[in-house]
Amino acid sequence: MGKLINLRHLENYGADSLKGLPKGIGRLSSLQTLDVFMLSSHGHDECQIGDLRNLNNLRGHLFIQGLDEVKDAGEAEKAELKNKVHLQYLTLEVGEKEGTKGVAEALQPHPNLKSLCIFHYGDREWPNWMMGSSLAQLKTLYLAFCDRCPCLPPLGQLPVLEKLDIWHMRGVKYIGSEFLGSSSTVFPKLKELSISGLDELKQWEIKGKE
């Protein structure tokens, strides 16, 4: 696979029976399309997270699957997601085990990302890049099955967010002003909000900012 140095498009979405990708993909620096980057623990002949390092021409959508196979933040940093500046849509299947914040922290995307999906995030705290202004160009955000998180990040301060979907966040029992963030205007561009599966939610108390 690594000899196909001029390959630009590898469409593998829907290949659900695949458990990993061949190691040589990390050498395909001309690659522009890679639907799903699958991580595996089956051996050294399959891609690890660091094999994303040289794929800086990827664009469109990338789904990173199986991040629970990543041992620590140092390993995740090798992906250098910040350098994938042509990516517009990113989906992270982080992993349900505790202690995944460091891995998620190291996977900070570039600041011009338009769409982000996070599934099965297992930590109680969100990565810092979701707590500030690092996603200033984000228009669409999906959070799903992040069951251990007791609160939502300050999404109200995202200046161009248009669509927000929150599903199955069973750890959230209270939604307050932290959801709005510190900005003087909250959700200025929001057009669509969908919240479902917050089975443990006891109180929703948000006071509008003056």
Protein backbone atom coordinates (compact mmCIF):
# COMPACT_ATOMS: atom_id res chain seq x y z
CA MET A 1 0.00 0.00 0.00
CA GLY A 2 2.80 2.44 0.83
CA LYS A 3 4.08 2.30 -2.77
CA LEU A 4 0.99 4.07 -4.12
CA ILE A 5 2.62 7.42 -3.44
CA ASN A 6 0.42 9.35 -5.89
CA LEU A 7 -2.88 7.98 -4.58
CA ARG A 8 -5.25 10.83 -3.73
CA HIS A 9 -8.56 9.19 -2.86
CA LEU A 10 -9.23 6.14 -0.69
CA GLU A 11 -12.95 5.74 -0.04
CA ASN A 12 -13.53 3.18 2.72
CA TYR A 13 -16.74 4.36 4.36
CA GLY A 14 -19.07 1.46 5.09
CA ALA A 15 -16.31 -1.15 5.23
CA ASP A 16 -17.54 -2.22 8.65
CA SER A 17 -15.80 -5.59 8.65
CA LEU A 18 -12.37 -3.96 8.50
CA LYS A 19 -10.54 -3.97 11.83
CA GLY A 20 -7.59 -1.83 10.81
CA LEU A 21 -5.70 -0.22 7.93
CA PRO A 22 -2.41 -1.36 6.39
CA LYS A 23 0.64 0.38 7.78
CA GLY A 24 1.76 1.85 4.46
CA ILE A 25 -1.09 4.36 4.35
CA GLY A 26 0.98 6.66 6.54
CA ARG A 27 3.37 7.18 3.61
CA LEU A 28 0.66 8.35 1.18
CA SER A 29 1.31 12.06 1.66
CA SER A 30 -0.71 13.00 -1.45
CA LEU A 31 -3.87 11.44 -0.03
CA GLN A 32 -6.81 13.85 -0.01
CA THR A 33 -9.71 11.51 0.77
CA LEU A 34 -9.72 8.96 3.58
CA ASP A 35 -13.20 8.43 4.97
CA VAL A 36 -12.34 6.34 8.03
CA PHE A 37 -9.01 5.99 9.82
CA MET A 38 -9.32 2.81 11.86
CA LEU A 39 -7.04 2.06 14.76
CA SER A 40 -6.29 -1.50 15.74
CA SER A 41 -4.44 -3.42 18.43
CA HIS A 42 -3.98 -6.49 16.27
CA GLY A 43 -0.33 -5.96 15.42
CA HIS A 44 2.45 -3.79 14.00
CA ASP A 45 1.30 -4.30 10.41
CA GLU A 46 -1.70 -2.01 10.90
CA CYS A 47 -1.95 1.74 11.30
CA GLN A 48 -1.41 3.48 14.61
CA ILE A 49 -2.47 7.04 15.38
CA GLY A 50 0.99 8.39 14.50
CA ASP A 51 0.54 7.24 10.90
CA LEU A 52 -1.68 10.27 10.37
CA ARG A 53 1.30 12.60 10.83
CA ASN A 54 2.21 13.04 7.15
CA LEU A 55 -1.32 13.06 5.75
CA ASN A 56 -1.64 16.85 5.75
CA ASN A 57 -3.44 16.98 2.41
CA LEU A 58 -6.54 15.26 3.78
CA ARG A 59 -9.64 17.32 3.15
CA GLY A 60 -13.39 17.03 3.50
CA HIS A 61 -14.39 14.57 6.23
CA LEU A 62 -12.29 12.29 8.43
CA PHE A 63 -13.64 9.77 10.93
CA ILE A 64 -11.04 8.49 13.42
CA GLN A 65 -12.31 5.24 14.86
CA GLY A 66 -11.03 3.19 17.77
CA LEU A 67 -9.19 5.84 19.76
CA ASP A 68 -9.49 3.67 22.87
CA GLU A 69 -6.47 1.85 21.40
CA VAL A 70 -4.31 4.96 21.93
CA LYS A 71 -2.29 4.54 25.13
CA ASP A 72 -1.55 8.16 26.07
CA ALA A 73 -1.46 11.80 24.99
CA GLY A 74 2.11 11.54 23.72
CA GLU A 75 1.04 8.90 21.23
CA ALA A 76 -1.99 10.94 20.16
CA GLU A 77 0.13 14.05 19.56
CA LYS A 78 1.92 12.20 16.77
CA ALA A 79 -1.20 12.55 14.62
CA GLU A 80 -0.66 16.34 14.44
CA LEU A 81 -4.32 17.03 13.72
CA LYS A 82 -3.68 20.77 13.98
CA ASN A 83 -1.77 20.54 10.72
CA LYS A 84 -4.69 19.01 8.78
CA VAL A 85 -5.88 22.49 7.78
CA HIS A 86 -7.91 21.29 4.78
CA LEU A 87 -10.22 19.12 6.89
CA GLN A 88 -13.72 20.56 7.24
CA TYR A 89 -15.51 17.76 9.09
CA LEU A 90 -14.03 15.64 11.88
CA THR A 91 -15.55 12.73 13.79
CA LEU A 92 -13.79 11.30 16.85
CA GLU A 93 -14.79 8.02 18.46
CA VAL A 94 -12.74 8.61 21.57
CA GLY A 95 -13.39 5.59 23.77
CA GLU A 96 -15.52 4.94 26.84
CA LYS A 97 -12.74 4.21 29.32
CA GLU A 98 -11.86 6.81 31.94
CA GLY A 99 -8.72 8.91 31.60
CA THR A 100 -9.21 9.76 27.93
CA LYS A 101 -9.01 13.54 28.39
CA GLY A 102 -5.27 13.61 27.67
CA VAL A 103 -5.74 11.76 24.40
CA ALA A 104 -8.60 14.06 23.38
CA GLU A 105 -6.51 17.10 24.37
CA ALA A 106 -3.74 16.02 22.03
CA LEU A 107 -6.20 15.67 19.15
CA GLN A 108 -7.08 19.35 18.99
CA PRO A 109 -8.14 20.16 15.42
CA HIS A 110 -7.22 23.25 13.44
CA PRO A 111 -9.27 26.36 14.33
CA ASN A 112 -11.14 26.62 11.01
CA LEU A 113 -12.96 23.29 11.37
CA LYS A 114 -16.61 23.54 10.28
CA SER A 115 -18.14 20.38 11.78
CA LEU A 116 -17.21 18.20 14.76
CA CYS A 117 -18.72 14.96 16.07
CA ILE A 118 -17.56 13.38 19.34
CA PHE A 119 -18.84 9.92 20.25
CA HIS A 120 -18.27 7.76 23.30
CA TYR A 121 -16.08 10.19 25.19
CA GLY A 122 -15.31 8.48 28.50
CA ASP A 123 -13.81 11.20 30.70
CA ARG A 124 -15.54 13.48 33.20
CA GLU A 125 -13.84 16.64 31.91
CA TRP A 126 -13.86 18.05 28.40
CA PRO A 127 -10.56 18.84 26.65
CA ASN A 128 -9.50 22.46 27.06
CA TRP A 129 -9.91 23.26 23.36
CA MET A 130 -13.67 22.75 23.79
CA MET A 131 -13.81 25.20 26.68
CA GLY A 132 -12.54 28.34 24.94
CA SER A 133 -12.42 30.00 21.55
CA SER A 134 -10.47 27.31 19.69
CA LEU A 135 -13.47 26.34 17.53
CA ALA A 136 -14.46 29.81 16.39
CA GLN A 137 -15.48 28.68 12.87
CA LEU A 138 -17.51 25.64 13.95
CA LYS A 139 -20.99 25.52 12.43
CA THR A 140 -22.15 22.02 13.41
CA LEU A 141 -21.50 20.07 16.61
CA TYR A 142 -22.68 16.60 17.64
CA LEU A 143 -22.01 15.18 21.11
CA ALA A 144 -23.26 11.66 21.72
CA PHE A 145 -22.86 8.89 24.31
CA CYS A 146 -20.48 10.87 26.50
CA ASP A 147 -22.02 9.33 29.59
CA ARG A 148 -19.49 10.28 32.28
CA CYS A 149 -19.44 14.03 31.64
CA PRO A 150 -21.48 15.74 34.42
CA CYS A 151 -21.79 19.03 32.53
CA LEU A 152 -21.84 20.47 29.04
CA PRO A 153 -19.03 22.62 27.65
CA PRO A 154 -19.61 26.40 27.18
CA LEU A 155 -21.09 26.03 23.71
CA GLY A 156 -23.04 29.27 23.82
CA GLN A 157 -19.89 31.23 23.08
CA LEU A 158 -19.27 29.58 19.69
CA PRO A 159 -19.86 32.57 17.39
CA VAL A 160 -21.02 30.87 14.19
CA LEU A 161 -22.53 27.62 15.52
CA GLU A 162 -25.72 26.87 13.58
CA LYS A 163 -26.61 23.31 14.53
CA LEU A 164 -26.14 21.59 17.90
CA ASP A 165 -27.14 17.99 18.62
CA ILE A 166 -26.67 16.48 22.09
CA TRP A 167 -27.61 12.81 22.53
CA HIS A 168 -27.47 10.36 25.41
CA MET A 169 -25.45 12.30 27.95
CA ARG A 170 -26.60 10.34 30.98
CA GLY A 171 -24.07 11.93 33.33
CA VAL A 172 -25.57 15.41 32.94
CA LYS A 173 -27.88 16.20 35.88
CA TYR A 174 -27.80 19.98 35.76
CA ILE A 175 -27.56 22.58 32.99
CA GLY A 176 -26.77 26.10 34.11
CA SER A 177 -24.98 29.23 32.97
CA GLU A 178 -21.77 27.28 32.25
CA PHE A 179 -23.51 26.08 29.08
CA LEU A 180 -23.65 29.67 27.78
CA GLY A 181 -20.00 30.52 28.34
CA SER A 182 -18.49 33.92 29.05
CA SER A 183 -19.36 35.69 25.81
CA SER A 184 -21.61 38.77 25.94
CA THR A 185 -23.81 37.21 23.24
CA VAL A 186 -24.81 33.55 23.34
CA PHE A 187 -25.59 31.26 20.40
CA PRO A 188 -25.75 34.24 18.01
CA LYS A 189 -26.13 32.07 14.89
CA LEU A 190 -27.87 28.97 16.25
CA LYS A 191 -30.69 27.71 14.00
CA GLU A 192 -31.23 24.14 15.17
CA LEU A 193 -30.96 22.60 18.66
CA SER A 194 -31.68 18.95 19.41
CA ILE A 195 -31.31 17.43 22.88
CA SER A 196 -32.33 13.86 23.71
CA GLY A 197 -31.40 11.04 26.04
CA LEU A 198 -30.42 13.16 29.06
CA ASP A 199 -32.13 10.63 31.30
CA GLU A 200 -30.61 11.91 34.56
CA LEU A 201 -31.26 15.62 33.97
CA LYS A 202 -32.88 17.07 37.11
CA GLN A 203 -32.61 20.81 36.58
CA TRP A 204 -32.28 23.23 33.70
CA GLU A 205 -31.65 26.73 34.97
CA ILE A 206 -30.27 29.22 32.50
CA LYS A 207 -30.70 32.93 32.98
CA GLY A 208 -30.43 35.08 29.92
CA LYS A 209 -27.48 37.46 29.70
CA GLU A 210 -28.26 41.14 29.69
